[in-house]
N, C-alpha and C. Protein backbone atom coordinates (compact mmCIF):
# COMPACT_ATOMS: atom_id res chain seq x y z
N MET A 1 -25.10 -4.25 10.12
CA MET A 1 -24.45 -4.52 8.90
C MET A 1 -23.21 -5.33 9.83
N THR A 2 -22.53 -6.56 9.36
CA THR A 2 -21.61 -7.56 9.67
C THR A 2 -20.44 -6.92 8.75
N ALA A 3 -19.65 -6.98 9.91
CA ALA A 3 -17.96 -6.76 9.14
C ALA A 3 -17.70 -7.89 7.85
N PRO A 4 -16.85 -7.75 7.19
CA PRO A 4 -16.47 -8.53 5.89
C PRO A 4 -15.84 -9.54 6.48
N SER A 5 -15.74 -10.71 5.85
CA SER A 5 -15.07 -11.91 6.20
C SER A 5 -13.38 -11.56 6.09
N MET A 6 -12.70 -12.36 6.72
CA MET A 6 -11.16 -12.31 6.58
C MET A 6 -10.23 -12.63 4.94
N VAL A 7 -11.37 -13.76 4.19
CA VAL A 7 -11.31 -14.23 2.97
C VAL A 7 -11.65 -12.69 1.94
N ALA A 8 -12.55 -11.82 2.26
CA ALA A 8 -13.21 -10.58 1.77
C ALA A 8 -11.95 -9.77 2.48
N GLN A 9 -11.44 -9.60 3.15
CA GLN A 9 -10.37 -8.77 3.30
C GLN A 9 -9.54 -8.73 2.82
N CYS A 10 -8.79 -9.95 2.58
CA CYS A 10 -7.49 -10.65 2.26
C CYS A 10 -7.43 -10.66 0.01
N THR A 11 -8.81 -10.72 0.04
CA THR A 11 -8.77 -10.67 -1.40
C THR A 11 -8.93 -9.00 -1.79
N ALA A 12 -9.52 -8.29 -0.91
CA ALA A 12 -9.46 -6.72 -1.39
C ALA A 12 -8.02 -6.35 -1.12
N GLU A 13 -7.26 -6.84 -0.18
CA GLU A 13 -5.73 -6.52 0.05
C GLU A 13 -4.90 -6.83 -1.40
N PHE A 14 -5.27 -8.15 -1.60
CA PHE A 14 -4.56 -8.68 -2.74
C PHE A 14 -4.59 -7.85 -4.16
N VAL A 15 -6.08 -7.59 -4.31
CA VAL A 15 -6.27 -7.14 -5.36
C VAL A 15 -5.81 -5.13 -5.52
N GLY A 16 -6.12 -4.64 -4.43
CA GLY A 16 -5.52 -3.35 -4.26
C GLY A 16 -3.72 -3.45 -4.09
N THR A 17 -3.05 -4.10 -3.80
CA THR A 17 -2.01 -4.34 -3.74
C THR A 17 -1.55 -4.79 -5.23
N PHE A 18 -2.05 -5.50 -5.88
CA PHE A 18 -1.68 -5.86 -7.22
C PHE A 18 -1.74 -4.72 -8.16
N LEU A 19 -2.47 -4.28 -7.61
CA LEU A 19 -2.91 -3.06 -9.03
C LEU A 19 -2.21 -1.99 -8.88
N LEU A 20 -1.57 -1.72 -7.51
CA LEU A 20 -0.40 -0.74 -7.45
C LEU A 20 0.87 -1.17 -7.50
N ILE A 21 1.40 -2.49 -7.68
CA ILE A 21 2.37 -3.16 -8.17
C ILE A 21 2.64 -3.17 -9.58
N LEU A 22 1.16 -3.67 -10.04
CA LEU A 22 1.14 -3.52 -11.75
C LEU A 22 1.39 -2.14 -11.92
N THR A 23 1.01 -1.62 -11.70
CA THR A 23 0.66 0.02 -12.09
C THR A 23 2.39 0.84 -12.25
N VAL A 24 3.14 0.60 -11.11
CA VAL A 24 4.15 1.09 -10.90
C VAL A 24 5.23 0.29 -11.73
N GLY A 25 5.00 -1.10 -11.78
CA GLY A 25 6.23 -1.28 -12.90
C GLY A 25 5.92 -1.53 -14.30
N CYS A 26 4.45 -1.29 -15.03
CA CYS A 26 4.43 -0.87 -16.20
C CYS A 26 4.91 0.64 -16.56
N ASN A 27 5.07 1.37 -15.60
CA ASN A 27 5.24 2.58 -15.91
C ASN A 27 6.57 2.94 -15.63
N VAL A 28 7.61 1.93 -14.95
CA VAL A 28 8.75 2.03 -14.84
C VAL A 28 9.13 1.61 -15.72
N LEU A 29 8.40 0.26 -16.65
CA LEU A 29 9.27 -0.19 -17.81
C LEU A 29 8.39 0.41 -19.10
N GLY A 30 7.86 1.14 -18.80
CA GLY A 30 7.19 2.41 -19.89
C GLY A 30 8.31 3.62 -20.31
N GLY A 31 8.51 3.96 -19.17
CA GLY A 31 9.41 5.17 -19.32
C GLY A 31 8.72 6.20 -19.68
N ASN A 32 7.84 6.59 -19.42
CA ASN A 32 6.77 7.90 -19.46
C ASN A 32 6.88 8.49 -18.24
N ALA A 33 7.40 9.16 -17.80
CA ALA A 33 7.65 10.05 -16.45
C ALA A 33 6.79 10.96 -16.20
N VAL A 34 6.02 11.55 -17.38
CA VAL A 34 5.32 12.76 -17.18
C VAL A 34 3.82 12.25 -16.54
N TRP A 35 3.41 10.88 -17.26
CA TRP A 35 2.11 10.49 -16.61
C TRP A 35 2.09 9.21 -15.24
N ALA A 36 3.48 8.86 -15.07
CA ALA A 36 3.78 7.83 -14.15
C ALA A 36 3.00 8.03 -13.05
N GLY A 37 3.32 9.05 -12.46
CA GLY A 37 2.84 9.66 -10.70
C GLY A 37 1.45 9.79 -10.96
N VAL A 38 0.85 9.97 -12.16
CA VAL A 38 -0.48 10.38 -12.14
C VAL A 38 -1.49 9.43 -11.91
N SER A 39 -0.76 8.05 -12.69
CA SER A 39 -1.53 7.08 -12.81
C SER A 39 -1.16 6.33 -12.11
N ILE A 40 0.21 6.45 -11.31
CA ILE A 40 -0.15 5.78 -9.90
C ILE A 40 -1.06 5.92 -8.77
N ALA A 41 -1.02 7.30 -8.80
CA ALA A 41 -1.75 8.25 -7.72
C ALA A 41 -3.58 7.79 -7.82
N PHE A 42 -3.76 7.67 -9.21
CA PHE A 42 -5.23 7.45 -9.31
C PHE A 42 -5.63 5.93 -9.40
N VAL A 43 -4.59 4.97 -9.52
CA VAL A 43 -4.90 3.45 -9.18
C VAL A 43 -5.26 3.79 -7.95
N LEU A 44 -4.14 4.24 -7.04
CA LEU A 44 -4.24 3.94 -5.65
C LEU A 44 -5.23 4.45 -4.88
N MET A 45 -5.60 5.81 -5.63
CA MET A 45 -6.80 6.44 -4.78
C MET A 45 -8.39 5.69 -5.25
N VAL A 46 -8.63 5.31 -6.84
CA VAL A 46 -9.75 4.55 -6.74
C VAL A 46 -9.80 3.22 -5.88
N SER A 47 -8.32 2.84 -5.63
CA SER A 47 -8.53 1.23 -5.14
C SER A 47 -8.61 1.71 -3.63
N ILE A 48 -8.34 2.72 -3.02
CA ILE A 48 -8.50 3.21 -1.81
C ILE A 48 -10.24 3.50 -1.46
N TYR A 49 -10.38 4.07 -2.04
CA TYR A 49 -12.42 4.17 -2.17
C TYR A 49 -12.95 3.04 -2.44
N ALA A 50 -12.51 2.30 -3.62
CA ALA A 50 -13.29 0.78 -3.67
C ALA A 50 -13.03 -0.07 -2.94
N LEU A 51 -11.79 -0.20 -2.21
CA LEU A 51 -11.55 -1.67 -0.93
C LEU A 51 -11.88 -1.06 0.36
N GLY A 52 -11.44 0.15 0.39
CA GLY A 52 -11.24 0.78 1.86
C GLY A 52 -12.73 0.07 2.81
N GLY A 53 -13.42 0.04 2.47
CA GLY A 53 -14.69 -0.15 3.43
C GLY A 53 -14.22 -1.79 3.43
N ILE A 54 -13.92 -2.50 2.90
CA ILE A 54 -13.81 -3.77 2.97
C ILE A 54 -12.43 -4.41 4.04
N SER A 55 -11.15 -3.68 3.85
CA SER A 55 -10.02 -4.22 4.59
C SER A 55 -9.68 -3.18 4.79
N GLY A 56 -9.59 -1.77 4.71
CA GLY A 56 -9.05 -0.94 5.32
C GLY A 56 -8.12 -0.44 4.07
N ALA A 57 -7.77 -1.12 3.34
CA ALA A 57 -7.06 -0.45 1.93
C ALA A 57 -5.63 -0.03 2.53
N ASN A 58 -4.74 -1.17 3.53
CA ASN A 58 -3.39 -0.81 3.64
C ASN A 58 -2.74 -1.26 2.25
N PHE A 59 -2.74 -2.08 1.77
CA PHE A 59 -1.81 -2.09 0.39
C PHE A 59 -0.61 -2.23 0.57
N ASN A 60 0.22 -2.43 2.00
CA ASN A 60 1.79 -2.31 1.95
C ASN A 60 2.00 -2.99 3.60
N PRO A 61 2.73 -3.83 3.58
CA PRO A 61 2.98 -4.34 4.83
C PRO A 61 3.29 -3.21 5.88
N ALA A 62 4.13 -2.30 5.67
CA ALA A 62 4.55 -1.26 6.41
C ALA A 62 3.18 -0.68 7.05
N VAL A 63 2.23 -0.36 6.28
CA VAL A 63 0.71 0.48 6.81
C VAL A 63 0.30 -0.75 7.99
N SER A 64 0.22 -2.18 7.49
CA SER A 64 -0.03 -2.91 8.64
C SER A 64 0.44 -3.22 9.63
N VAL A 65 1.68 -3.05 9.52
CA VAL A 65 2.42 -3.33 11.09
C VAL A 65 2.69 -1.83 11.81
N THR A 66 2.46 -0.86 11.49
CA THR A 66 2.10 0.64 11.67
C THR A 66 0.56 0.34 12.66
N LEU A 67 -0.23 0.06 11.59
CA LEU A 67 -1.42 -0.16 12.44
C LEU A 67 -1.71 -1.18 13.77
N GLY A 68 -0.67 -2.40 13.56
CA GLY A 68 -0.52 -3.38 14.57
C GLY A 68 0.20 -2.92 15.90
N ILE A 69 1.14 -1.71 15.71
CA ILE A 69 1.93 -1.15 16.70
C ILE A 69 0.85 0.04 17.36
N SER A 70 -0.56 0.30 16.48
CA SER A 70 -1.01 1.40 16.82
C SER A 70 -2.24 0.74 17.88
N LYS A 71 -2.57 -0.42 17.72
CA LYS A 71 -3.64 -1.19 18.24
C LYS A 71 -2.58 -1.60 19.80
N SER A 72 -1.21 -2.01 19.57
CA SER A 72 -0.79 -2.54 20.85
C SER A 72 -0.61 -1.26 22.05
N ILE A 73 -0.45 0.06 21.45
CA ILE A 73 -0.57 1.35 22.67
C ILE A 73 -1.43 1.50 22.43
N GLY A 74 -2.72 0.86 22.56
CA GLY A 74 -4.18 1.20 22.89
C GLY A 74 -5.07 2.30 21.79
N GLY A 75 -4.63 2.28 20.68
CA GLY A 75 -5.19 3.32 19.57
C GLY A 75 -6.10 2.73 18.39
N PRO A 76 -6.66 2.96 17.45
CA PRO A 76 -6.90 1.99 16.51
C PRO A 76 -6.36 1.41 15.81
N GLY A 77 -6.53 0.28 15.35
CA GLY A 77 -5.61 -0.51 14.29
C GLY A 77 -5.82 -2.16 14.27
N MET A 78 -5.33 -3.08 14.10
CA MET A 78 -5.45 -4.47 13.86
C MET A 78 -4.56 -5.38 14.92
N ASP A 79 -5.27 -6.50 15.20
CA ASP A 79 -4.43 -7.61 16.07
C ASP A 79 -3.09 -7.76 14.80
N TRP A 80 -2.04 -8.41 15.96
CA TRP A 80 -1.01 -8.66 15.20
C TRP A 80 -0.97 -10.30 14.01
N THR A 81 -2.30 -10.89 14.29
CA THR A 81 -2.55 -11.90 13.28
C THR A 81 -2.94 -11.49 11.98
N THR A 82 -4.07 -10.47 12.32
CA THR A 82 -4.42 -9.82 10.97
C THR A 82 -3.42 -9.45 10.33
N VAL A 83 -2.41 -8.73 11.01
CA VAL A 83 -1.11 -7.84 10.67
C VAL A 83 -0.39 -9.04 9.79
N GLY A 84 -0.34 -10.18 10.14
CA GLY A 84 0.27 -11.29 9.54
C GLY A 84 -0.33 -11.74 8.14
N ILE A 85 -1.41 -11.95 8.24
CA ILE A 85 -2.33 -12.37 7.54
C ILE A 85 -2.38 -11.37 5.87
N PHE A 86 -2.45 -10.22 6.43
CA PHE A 86 -2.52 -8.74 5.41
C PHE A 86 -1.02 -8.61 4.84
N ALA A 87 -0.21 -8.64 5.67
CA ALA A 87 1.32 -8.54 4.95
C ALA A 87 1.71 -9.88 4.33
N GLY A 88 1.35 -10.72 4.18
CA GLY A 88 1.81 -11.97 3.44
C GLY A 88 0.85 -11.88 2.21
N THR A 89 -0.26 -11.66 2.39
CA THR A 89 -1.21 -11.62 1.27
C THR A 89 -0.55 -10.23 0.39
N GLN A 90 -0.38 -8.94 0.83
CA GLN A 90 0.18 -8.22 0.19
C GLN A 90 1.78 -8.56 -0.77
N CYS A 91 2.34 -9.44 0.28
CA CYS A 91 3.70 -9.61 -0.56
C CYS A 91 3.46 -10.62 -1.85
N ALA A 92 2.39 -10.93 -1.66
CA ALA A 92 2.17 -12.01 -2.71
C ALA A 92 1.54 -11.36 -3.78
N ALA A 93 0.83 -10.82 -3.24
CA ALA A 93 0.38 -10.04 -4.27
C ALA A 93 1.15 -8.92 -5.23
N GLY A 94 2.07 -8.73 -4.38
CA GLY A 94 3.32 -7.78 -5.47
C GLY A 94 4.27 -8.49 -6.02
N VAL A 95 4.44 -9.89 -5.22
CA VAL A 95 5.36 -10.77 -6.47
C VAL A 95 4.34 -11.29 -7.31
N LEU A 96 3.39 -11.37 -7.45
CA LEU A 96 2.30 -11.82 -8.85
C LEU A 96 2.31 -10.83 -9.41
N ALA A 97 2.03 -9.68 -9.51
CA ALA A 97 2.21 -8.28 -9.81
C ALA A 97 3.63 -8.01 -11.10
N GLY A 98 4.56 -8.27 -10.00
CA GLY A 98 5.81 -8.42 -10.57
C GLY A 98 5.80 -8.98 -11.96
N VAL A 99 5.36 -10.58 -11.42
CA VAL A 99 5.83 -11.69 -12.87
C VAL A 99 4.87 -11.01 -13.70
N CYS A 100 3.73 -10.41 -13.63
CA CYS A 100 2.59 -10.06 -14.65
C CYS A 100 3.03 -9.01 -15.59
N TYR A 101 3.50 -7.76 -14.83
CA TYR A 101 4.09 -6.83 -15.78
C TYR A 101 5.34 -7.30 -16.67
N SER A 102 6.18 -8.43 -15.71
CA SER A 102 7.54 -9.31 -17.09
C SER A 102 7.01 -9.53 -18.20
N LEU A 103 5.79 -10.33 -17.68
CA LEU A 103 5.51 -11.45 -18.98
C LEU A 103 4.55 -10.53 -19.73
N LEU A 104 4.04 -9.44 -19.24
CA LEU A 104 2.85 -8.41 -20.31
C LEU A 104 4.05 -7.66 -20.76
N LEU A 105 5.25 -7.08 -20.79
CA LEU A 105 5.72 -6.41 -21.51
C LEU A 105 7.55 -7.17 -21.74
N GLY A 106 7.08 -8.26 -21.18
CA GLY A 106 8.73 -8.83 -21.73
C GLY A 106 10.03 -8.53 -21.36
N GLN A 107 10.01 -7.98 -20.29
CA GLN A 107 11.11 -7.38 -19.26
C GLN A 107 11.14 -6.91 -17.96
N SER A 108 11.63 -6.68 -17.31
CA SER A 108 11.71 -6.39 -15.95
C SER A 108 13.25 -5.70 -15.65
N PHE A 109 13.08 -5.65 -14.41
CA PHE A 109 14.17 -4.29 -14.16
C PHE A 109 14.71 -4.81 -12.27
N ASN A 110 16.10 -4.40 -12.28
CA ASN A 110 16.27 -4.52 -10.89
C ASN A 110 16.20 -3.60 -9.95
N LEU A 111 15.47 -3.83 -8.65
CA LEU A 111 15.47 -2.65 -7.62
C LEU A 111 17.06 -2.58 -7.09
N ALA A 112 17.63 -0.95 -7.07
CA ALA A 112 19.02 -1.18 -6.70
C ALA A 112 19.00 0.51 -6.75
N PRO A 113 19.86 1.09 -5.70
CA PRO A 113 20.20 2.84 -5.57
C PRO A 113 20.61 2.82 -6.97
N ALA A 114 20.20 4.45 -7.33
CA ALA A 114 20.64 5.05 -8.69
C ALA A 114 22.53 5.16 -8.64
N LYS A 115 22.69 5.39 -10.04
CA LYS A 115 24.14 5.32 -9.49
C LYS A 115 24.59 6.93 -8.86
N GLY A 116 25.65 6.55 -8.17
CA GLY A 116 26.05 7.62 -7.36
C GLY A 116 25.75 7.61 -5.78
N PHE A 117 24.79 6.70 -5.78
CA PHE A 117 24.21 6.39 -4.47
C PHE A 117 24.46 4.71 -4.04
N SER A 118 24.38 4.58 -2.21
CA SER A 118 24.67 3.56 -1.78
C SER A 118 23.41 2.93 -1.17
N TRP A 119 23.45 1.36 -1.16
CA TRP A 119 22.55 1.00 -0.17
C TRP A 119 22.32 2.23 0.77
N TYR A 120 22.90 2.27 1.46
CA TYR A 120 22.57 3.33 2.91
C TYR A 120 21.75 4.41 2.66
N HIS A 121 22.07 5.14 1.41
CA HIS A 121 20.98 6.33 1.18
C HIS A 121 19.89 5.52 0.46
N ALA A 122 19.88 4.80 -0.35
CA ALA A 122 18.39 4.14 -0.57
C ALA A 122 17.55 3.55 0.63
N GLY A 123 18.37 3.08 1.66
CA GLY A 123 17.82 2.68 2.78
C GLY A 123 17.23 3.82 3.67
N LEU A 124 18.02 4.80 3.61
CA LEU A 124 17.55 6.18 4.56
C LEU A 124 16.69 6.75 4.11
N CYS A 125 16.79 6.82 2.61
CA CYS A 125 15.51 7.39 1.78
C CYS A 125 14.10 6.70 1.89
N GLU A 126 13.99 5.09 1.98
CA GLU A 126 12.94 4.29 2.07
C GLU A 126 12.73 4.82 3.37
N LEU A 127 13.41 4.91 4.81
CA LEU A 127 13.07 4.64 5.65
C LEU A 127 12.19 6.09 6.16
N VAL A 128 12.89 7.18 5.49
CA VAL A 128 11.96 8.95 5.70
C VAL A 128 10.74 8.74 4.86
N TYR A 129 10.56 7.74 3.77
CA TYR A 129 9.37 8.12 3.10
C TYR A 129 8.32 7.28 3.56
N THR A 130 8.73 5.82 4.17
CA THR A 130 7.82 4.66 4.83
C THR A 130 7.44 5.56 5.92
N PHE A 131 8.20 5.93 7.07
CA PHE A 131 7.44 6.93 7.86
C PHE A 131 6.49 8.11 7.38
N MET A 132 6.88 8.71 6.71
CA MET A 132 5.57 9.80 5.83
C MET A 132 4.21 8.82 5.48
N LEU A 133 4.63 8.05 4.82
CA LEU A 133 3.26 7.39 4.60
C LEU A 133 2.69 6.80 5.69
N THR A 134 3.44 6.19 6.77
CA THR A 134 2.75 5.54 7.84
C THR A 134 2.11 6.99 8.61
N PHE A 135 2.80 7.92 8.83
CA PHE A 135 2.22 8.92 9.19
C PHE A 135 1.01 9.21 8.82
N VAL A 136 0.68 9.90 7.63
CA VAL A 136 -0.53 10.41 6.98
C VAL A 136 -1.57 9.27 6.99
N VAL A 137 -1.35 8.10 6.95
CA VAL A 137 -2.58 7.22 6.93
C VAL A 137 -2.60 7.12 8.46
N MET A 138 -1.84 6.89 9.63
CA MET A 138 -2.34 7.10 11.47
C MET A 138 -3.32 8.26 11.57
N ASN A 139 -2.82 9.61 10.69
CA ASN A 139 -3.54 11.03 11.14
C ASN A 139 -4.88 11.27 10.13
N VAL A 140 -4.63 10.72 8.84
CA VAL A 140 -5.89 10.89 8.41
C VAL A 140 -7.02 9.64 8.13
N ALA A 141 -6.78 8.54 7.94
CA ALA A 141 -7.52 7.61 7.92
C ALA A 141 -8.23 6.57 9.03
N VAL A 142 -7.11 6.92 10.04
CA VAL A 142 -7.44 6.14 11.13
C VAL A 142 -7.54 6.67 12.58
N ALA A 143 -7.24 7.91 12.37
CA ALA A 143 -7.32 8.96 13.57
C ALA A 143 -8.81 8.81 14.38
N LYS A 144 -8.84 9.02 15.72
CA LYS A 144 -9.83 8.47 16.36
C LYS A 144 -11.22 9.57 15.82
N LYS A 145 -10.44 10.82 15.73
CA LYS A 145 -11.82 12.03 15.18
C LYS A 145 -12.59 11.35 14.21
N ASN A 146 -11.99 10.67 13.26
CA ASN A 146 -12.86 10.31 11.88
C ASN A 146 -13.98 9.35 12.35
N ALA A 147 -13.78 8.77 13.26
CA ALA A 147 -14.98 7.87 13.84
C ALA A 147 -16.32 8.88 13.76
N THR A 148 -15.90 9.53 14.19
CA THR A 148 -17.61 10.79 14.40
C THR A 148 -17.27 11.84 13.36
N GLU A 149 -16.43 12.21 12.37
CA GLU A 149 -16.31 13.17 11.49
C GLU A 149 -16.75 12.46 9.93
N LYS A 150 -16.43 11.15 9.88
CA LYS A 150 -16.66 10.38 8.87
C LYS A 150 -16.17 11.10 7.74
N ASN A 151 -14.84 11.39 7.90
CA ASN A 151 -13.93 11.95 6.62
C ASN A 151 -13.58 11.12 5.57
N GLN A 152 -13.94 11.90 4.62
CA GLN A 152 -14.00 10.79 2.91
C GLN A 152 -12.91 11.53 2.37
N TYR A 153 -11.86 12.13 2.49
CA TYR A 153 -11.03 12.58 1.96
C TYR A 153 -9.27 11.67 2.01
N TYR A 154 -9.86 10.79 2.68
CA TYR A 154 -8.82 9.75 2.81
C TYR A 154 -7.88 9.47 1.67
N GLY A 155 -8.76 9.19 0.83
CA GLY A 155 -8.02 8.38 -0.11
C GLY A 155 -7.22 9.32 -1.17
N MET A 156 -7.64 10.72 -0.78
CA MET A 156 -6.34 11.62 -1.77
C MET A 156 -5.36 12.00 -0.98
N ALA A 157 -5.33 11.58 0.41
CA ALA A 157 -4.05 11.88 1.12
C ALA A 157 -2.86 10.83 0.56
């Protein structure tokens, strides 16, 4: 079986990232904290299972950059050209999803630290959680052992 074309891979990354950001935006604006996490997690899981075989289902520029670093040091991953193309596609999908949920719901929101927190706190939190995300991806989705074991649980991580 031949590998999917770059157009197919970019389309998969665009669709997955778009769905994720659209779901997050609709949940934030909808204000239903009870089901927000569940709906975001399910959209992400379904997108990973549906599109992972096409593009790897990165859906986040940080994941793409991590895969580029991994390949640079001899592990599994992506070349830097693909990383750049994927990151650009993911950013475009995120911006379009933001426009769509704003038009759909007639409102938007600013990304800023909550009251009582500074940009330093928000940046530190973002750094820690981005590290955890990329650490899980590297150890669940692209670990060398999964090439032989055929791990099918990666979408739930």
